[in-house]
Amino acid sequence: MDLKDQLKNLFPDHVPEPSEEDNSDKQSDIWLQDDPIICKYEKRKGKPITILEGYTGATEDFKKLAKELKTKLSVGGSFKDDKIIIQGDYRDKIMTLLKEKGFNVKRVGG
C-alpha cells in the first residue's frame, strides 16, 4: 500500500488538485514556428562551431533554448545577433534535441 492509497483511506472525499509539476513537462513555454531553424557548421580560428539561426519567436525564448542546449550537451556557447553559437560540431545531437521539442530543423553545410 503506497502513500496515495493511505491518503485515500484517511480522506475518502478529497479530490486532488492538478500539481504544477505535471504542467512543467509541457513545452508550451517556447513558441514553435513554421520555418525551420537552420543548423550549420563553421570553423572559426581553426575551431569547429555549430550555429543555429532563423528563429522568429521572442529573443528571451531563444536565449532559454540556448541555455538548455548548452547544459544538455555540457558545452560552451553564446547567444549573439539572434544566433546560438555552440562550441564544437554537435549538429546531429542538436537536431535530435530540437526535433524532440517539436521544431523543424534544416541542416546546412558539410
N, C-alpha and C. Protein backbone atom coordinates (compact mmCIF):
# COMPACT_ATOMS: atom_id res chain seq x y z
N MET A 1 0.85 -1.17 0.00
CA MET A 1 0.00 0.00 0.00
C MET A 1 0.90 1.24 0.00
N ASP A 2 0.76 2.04 -1.05
CA ASP A 2 1.59 3.24 -1.13
C ASP A 2 0.92 4.43 -0.46
N LEU A 3 1.58 5.55 -0.51
CA LEU A 3 1.12 6.74 0.21
C LEU A 3 -0.22 7.26 -0.31
N LYS A 4 -0.43 7.19 -1.62
CA LYS A 4 -1.69 7.67 -2.18
C LYS A 4 -2.87 6.83 -1.68
N ASP A 5 -2.69 5.53 -1.62
CA ASP A 5 -3.75 4.67 -1.11
C ASP A 5 -4.04 4.95 0.36
N GLN A 6 -3.01 5.19 1.15
CA GLN A 6 -3.20 5.50 2.56
C GLN A 6 -3.95 6.82 2.73
N LEU A 7 -3.61 7.81 1.89
CA LEU A 7 -4.30 9.08 1.97
C LEU A 7 -5.76 8.97 1.54
N LYS A 8 -6.04 8.11 0.56
CA LYS A 8 -7.43 7.89 0.14
C LYS A 8 -8.24 7.26 1.26
N ASN A 9 -7.61 6.35 2.02
CA ASN A 9 -8.31 5.73 3.14
C ASN A 9 -8.59 6.74 4.25
N LEU A 10 -7.66 7.66 4.49
CA LEU A 10 -7.84 8.65 5.55
C LEU A 10 -8.83 9.75 5.14
N PHE A 11 -8.76 10.17 3.88
CA PHE A 11 -9.61 11.26 3.38
C PHE A 11 -10.34 10.80 2.11
N PRO A 12 -11.45 10.05 2.25
CA PRO A 12 -12.12 9.50 1.06
C PRO A 12 -12.81 10.55 0.20
N ASP A 13 -13.17 11.72 0.77
CA ASP A 13 -13.90 12.73 0.00
C ASP A 13 -12.97 13.72 -0.71
N HIS A 14 -11.68 13.63 -0.47
CA HIS A 14 -10.72 14.59 -1.03
C HIS A 14 -10.50 14.35 -2.52
N VAL A 15 -10.56 15.44 -3.28
CA VAL A 15 -10.26 15.36 -4.71
C VAL A 15 -8.93 16.07 -4.92
N PRO A 16 -7.88 15.36 -5.41
CA PRO A 16 -6.57 16.00 -5.58
C PRO A 16 -6.60 17.05 -6.69
N GLU A 17 -5.87 18.16 -6.45
CA GLU A 17 -5.76 19.22 -7.44
C GLU A 17 -4.58 18.91 -8.36
N PRO A 18 -4.65 19.35 -9.62
CA PRO A 18 -3.50 19.12 -10.51
C PRO A 18 -2.30 19.90 -10.00
N SER A 19 -1.17 19.24 -9.94
CA SER A 19 0.03 19.88 -9.41
C SER A 19 0.76 20.64 -10.50
N GLU A 20 1.65 21.55 -10.08
CA GLU A 20 2.43 22.33 -11.02
C GLU A 20 3.52 21.49 -11.69
N GLU A 21 3.91 20.40 -11.06
CA GLU A 21 4.96 19.55 -11.62
C GLU A 21 4.51 18.91 -12.92
N ASP A 22 3.22 18.57 -13.01
CA ASP A 22 2.71 17.96 -14.24
C ASP A 22 2.74 18.96 -15.39
N ASN A 23 2.50 20.23 -15.10
CA ASN A 23 2.48 21.25 -16.14
C ASN A 23 3.88 21.67 -16.58
N SER A 24 4.90 21.42 -15.76
CA SER A 24 6.24 21.87 -16.11
C SER A 24 6.86 21.03 -17.23
N ASP A 25 6.35 19.82 -17.46
CA ASP A 25 6.92 18.98 -18.51
C ASP A 25 6.46 19.41 -19.90
N LYS A 26 5.40 20.18 -19.99
CA LYS A 26 4.88 20.60 -21.29
C LYS A 26 5.83 21.63 -21.90
N GLN A 27 5.95 21.62 -23.21
CA GLN A 27 6.87 22.51 -23.91
C GLN A 27 6.14 23.72 -24.47
N SER A 28 5.05 24.15 -23.82
CA SER A 28 4.26 25.26 -24.35
C SER A 28 4.90 26.61 -24.06
N ASP A 29 5.98 26.65 -23.27
CA ASP A 29 6.58 27.93 -22.92
C ASP A 29 7.44 28.49 -24.05
N ILE A 30 7.83 27.67 -25.02
CA ILE A 30 8.63 28.14 -26.16
C ILE A 30 7.75 28.12 -27.40
N TRP A 31 7.75 29.23 -28.12
CA TRP A 31 6.92 29.37 -29.30
C TRP A 31 7.51 28.58 -30.46
N LEU A 32 6.72 27.69 -31.05
CA LEU A 32 7.15 26.91 -32.20
C LEU A 32 6.81 27.66 -33.48
N GLN A 33 7.63 27.47 -34.48
CA GLN A 33 7.47 28.23 -35.72
C GLN A 33 7.30 27.30 -36.91
N ASP A 34 6.88 27.88 -38.04
CA ASP A 34 6.68 27.11 -39.26
C ASP A 34 7.97 26.94 -40.04
N ASP A 35 8.78 27.99 -40.12
CA ASP A 35 10.04 27.92 -40.85
C ASP A 35 11.06 27.12 -40.05
N PRO A 36 11.91 26.34 -40.73
CA PRO A 36 12.89 25.55 -39.99
C PRO A 36 14.02 26.40 -39.42
N ILE A 37 14.56 25.95 -38.30
CA ILE A 37 15.76 26.55 -37.73
C ILE A 37 16.94 26.00 -38.50
N ILE A 38 17.85 26.86 -38.91
CA ILE A 38 19.00 26.44 -39.71
C ILE A 38 20.15 26.08 -38.77
N CYS A 39 20.66 24.87 -38.92
CA CYS A 39 21.76 24.38 -38.10
C CYS A 39 22.96 24.19 -39.03
N LYS A 40 23.98 25.03 -38.86
CA LYS A 40 25.13 24.94 -39.77
C LYS A 40 26.44 24.83 -38.99
N TYR A 41 27.45 24.40 -39.71
CA TYR A 41 28.76 24.12 -39.15
C TYR A 41 29.77 25.06 -39.78
N GLU A 42 30.62 25.64 -38.94
CA GLU A 42 31.70 26.51 -39.43
C GLU A 42 32.95 26.25 -38.62
N LYS A 43 34.04 26.77 -39.13
CA LYS A 43 35.30 26.77 -38.38
C LYS A 43 35.73 28.22 -38.23
N ARG A 44 35.98 28.60 -36.98
CA ARG A 44 36.47 29.94 -36.70
C ARG A 44 37.77 29.81 -35.93
N LYS A 45 38.81 30.40 -36.48
CA LYS A 45 40.16 30.30 -35.90
C LYS A 45 40.59 28.85 -35.72
N GLY A 46 40.19 27.99 -36.66
CA GLY A 46 40.58 26.59 -36.63
C GLY A 46 39.75 25.71 -35.72
N LYS A 47 38.79 26.28 -35.01
CA LYS A 47 37.96 25.51 -34.07
C LYS A 47 36.56 25.33 -34.65
N PRO A 48 35.98 24.12 -34.52
CA PRO A 48 34.64 23.88 -35.06
C PRO A 48 33.56 24.50 -34.15
N ILE A 49 32.54 25.08 -34.78
CA ILE A 49 31.39 25.59 -34.05
C ILE A 49 30.11 25.22 -34.79
N THR A 50 29.02 25.16 -34.05
CA THR A 50 27.71 24.92 -34.63
C THR A 50 26.87 26.17 -34.41
N ILE A 51 26.22 26.64 -35.47
CA ILE A 51 25.43 27.87 -35.40
C ILE A 51 23.97 27.54 -35.68
N LEU A 52 23.08 28.04 -34.82
CA LEU A 52 21.64 27.91 -35.02
C LEU A 52 21.08 29.30 -35.28
N GLU A 53 20.32 29.44 -36.36
CA GLU A 53 19.73 30.74 -36.68
C GLU A 53 18.40 30.52 -37.38
N GLY A 54 17.64 31.60 -37.48
CA GLY A 54 16.36 31.53 -38.18
C GLY A 54 15.16 31.39 -37.27
N TYR A 55 15.32 31.65 -35.96
CA TYR A 55 14.20 31.58 -35.03
C TYR A 55 13.42 32.89 -35.10
N THR A 56 12.10 32.82 -35.27
CA THR A 56 11.30 34.03 -35.44
C THR A 56 10.50 34.40 -34.20
N GLY A 57 10.69 33.69 -33.11
CA GLY A 57 9.95 33.99 -31.89
C GLY A 57 10.63 35.07 -31.06
N ALA A 58 10.28 35.10 -29.78
CA ALA A 58 10.85 36.10 -28.88
C ALA A 58 12.31 35.79 -28.58
N THR A 59 13.07 36.84 -28.36
CA THR A 59 14.50 36.69 -28.08
C THR A 59 14.73 35.94 -26.78
N GLU A 60 13.87 36.18 -25.78
CA GLU A 60 14.02 35.51 -24.48
C GLU A 60 13.83 34.00 -24.62
N ASP A 61 12.90 33.57 -25.49
CA ASP A 61 12.70 32.14 -25.72
C ASP A 61 13.93 31.52 -26.36
N PHE A 62 14.54 32.25 -27.29
CA PHE A 62 15.73 31.74 -27.97
C PHE A 62 16.90 31.65 -26.98
N LYS A 63 16.98 32.59 -26.04
CA LYS A 63 18.02 32.54 -25.01
C LYS A 63 17.81 31.34 -24.09
N LYS A 64 16.54 31.06 -23.74
CA LYS A 64 16.24 29.88 -22.92
C LYS A 64 16.66 28.60 -23.64
N LEU A 65 16.36 28.56 -24.94
CA LEU A 65 16.73 27.40 -25.74
C LEU A 65 18.24 27.24 -25.80
N ALA A 66 18.97 28.35 -25.92
CA ALA A 66 20.43 28.30 -25.97
C ALA A 66 20.98 27.75 -24.65
N LYS A 67 20.46 28.22 -23.55
CA LYS A 67 20.93 27.75 -22.25
C LYS A 67 20.64 26.28 -22.06
N GLU A 68 19.45 25.84 -22.47
CA GLU A 68 19.09 24.43 -22.33
C GLU A 68 19.98 23.53 -23.18
N LEU A 69 20.26 23.96 -24.41
CA LEU A 69 21.13 23.16 -25.28
C LEU A 69 22.54 23.07 -24.69
N LYS A 70 23.06 24.17 -24.18
CA LYS A 70 24.41 24.17 -23.62
C LYS A 70 24.50 23.26 -22.40
N THR A 71 23.46 23.25 -21.56
CA THR A 71 23.51 22.40 -20.38
C THR A 71 23.33 20.93 -20.73
N LYS A 72 22.45 20.63 -21.69
CA LYS A 72 22.25 19.23 -22.07
C LYS A 72 23.47 18.64 -22.76
N LEU A 73 24.17 19.46 -23.55
CA LEU A 73 25.35 18.97 -24.27
C LEU A 73 26.62 19.13 -23.44
N SER A 74 26.56 19.87 -22.35
CA SER A 74 27.72 20.14 -21.49
C SER A 74 28.86 20.79 -22.27
N VAL A 75 28.50 21.81 -23.03
CA VAL A 75 29.50 22.53 -23.83
C VAL A 75 29.31 24.03 -23.61
N GLY A 76 30.27 24.80 -24.07
CA GLY A 76 30.17 26.25 -24.01
C GLY A 76 29.50 26.79 -25.24
N GLY A 77 29.12 28.04 -25.17
CA GLY A 77 28.48 28.68 -26.30
C GLY A 77 28.01 30.05 -25.92
N SER A 78 27.35 30.71 -26.87
CA SER A 78 26.86 32.06 -26.60
C SER A 78 25.65 32.34 -27.47
N PHE A 79 25.01 33.46 -27.16
CA PHE A 79 23.88 33.93 -27.94
C PHE A 79 24.20 35.34 -28.41
N LYS A 80 24.40 35.52 -29.71
CA LYS A 80 24.76 36.82 -30.27
C LYS A 80 24.02 37.04 -31.58
N ASP A 81 23.54 38.25 -31.79
CA ASP A 81 22.93 38.66 -33.06
C ASP A 81 21.85 37.68 -33.53
N ASP A 82 20.96 37.26 -32.63
CA ASP A 82 19.89 36.31 -32.93
C ASP A 82 20.42 34.98 -33.47
N LYS A 83 21.59 34.57 -33.00
CA LYS A 83 22.18 33.28 -33.36
C LYS A 83 22.67 32.60 -32.09
N ILE A 84 22.52 31.28 -32.05
CA ILE A 84 23.10 30.50 -30.97
C ILE A 84 24.39 29.89 -31.51
N ILE A 85 25.48 30.12 -30.81
CA ILE A 85 26.78 29.59 -31.21
C ILE A 85 27.21 28.57 -30.16
N ILE A 86 27.37 27.32 -30.59
CA ILE A 86 27.77 26.23 -29.71
C ILE A 86 29.18 25.80 -30.09
N GLN A 87 30.05 25.65 -29.10
CA GLN A 87 31.42 25.23 -29.37
C GLN A 87 31.46 23.74 -29.70
N GLY A 88 31.99 23.40 -30.87
CA GLY A 88 32.11 22.01 -31.29
C GLY A 88 31.09 21.67 -32.36
N ASP A 89 31.26 20.49 -32.97
CA ASP A 89 30.36 20.02 -34.01
C ASP A 89 29.33 19.08 -33.38
N TYR A 90 28.19 19.64 -32.99
CA TYR A 90 27.12 18.87 -32.34
C TYR A 90 25.83 18.95 -33.15
N ARG A 91 25.95 19.01 -34.48
CA ARG A 91 24.76 19.18 -35.31
C ARG A 91 23.75 18.06 -35.12
N ASP A 92 24.22 16.81 -35.11
CA ASP A 92 23.30 15.68 -35.01
C ASP A 92 22.57 15.67 -33.67
N LYS A 93 23.30 15.90 -32.59
CA LYS A 93 22.68 15.89 -31.26
C LYS A 93 21.70 17.06 -31.11
N ILE A 94 22.09 18.23 -31.60
CA ILE A 94 21.23 19.40 -31.51
C ILE A 94 19.96 19.19 -32.33
N MET A 95 20.10 18.62 -33.51
CA MET A 95 18.94 18.40 -34.35
C MET A 95 17.96 17.42 -33.71
N THR A 96 18.46 16.36 -33.07
CA THR A 96 17.56 15.42 -32.41
C THR A 96 16.88 16.07 -31.21
N LEU A 97 17.61 16.89 -30.44
CA LEU A 97 17.00 17.58 -29.29
C LEU A 97 15.91 18.55 -29.74
N LEU A 98 16.18 19.28 -30.82
CA LEU A 98 15.18 20.24 -31.30
C LEU A 98 13.97 19.54 -31.90
N LYS A 99 14.18 18.41 -32.57
CA LYS A 99 13.05 17.67 -33.13
C LYS A 99 12.18 17.08 -32.03
N GLU A 100 12.79 16.66 -30.90
CA GLU A 100 12.02 16.17 -29.77
C GLU A 100 11.15 17.29 -29.18
N LYS A 101 11.63 18.53 -29.25
CA LYS A 101 10.87 19.65 -28.74
C LYS A 101 9.77 20.08 -29.71
N GLY A 102 9.83 19.63 -30.96
CA GLY A 102 8.80 19.95 -31.94
C GLY A 102 9.21 20.96 -32.99
N PHE A 103 10.48 21.33 -33.04
CA PHE A 103 10.96 22.28 -34.03
C PHE A 103 11.27 21.59 -35.35
N ASN A 104 11.15 22.34 -36.45
CA ASN A 104 11.65 21.90 -37.75
C ASN A 104 13.09 22.38 -37.85
N VAL A 105 14.00 21.48 -38.23
CA VAL A 105 15.41 21.83 -38.29
C VAL A 105 15.95 21.46 -39.67
N LYS A 106 16.74 22.37 -40.23
CA LYS A 106 17.35 22.14 -41.55
C LYS A 106 18.86 22.16 -41.38
N ARG A 107 19.54 21.13 -41.87
CA ARG A 107 20.99 21.03 -41.77
C ARG A 107 21.62 21.69 -42.99
N VAL A 108 22.58 22.60 -42.73
CA VAL A 108 23.24 23.32 -43.80
C VAL A 108 24.75 23.17 -43.65
N GLY A 109 25.44 22.88 -44.73
CA GLY A 109 26.90 22.82 -44.73
C GLY A 109 27.44 21.51 -44.21
N GLY A 110 28.35 20.92 -44.98
CA GLY A 110 29.08 19.73 -44.58
C GLY A 110 28.26 18.54 -44.39
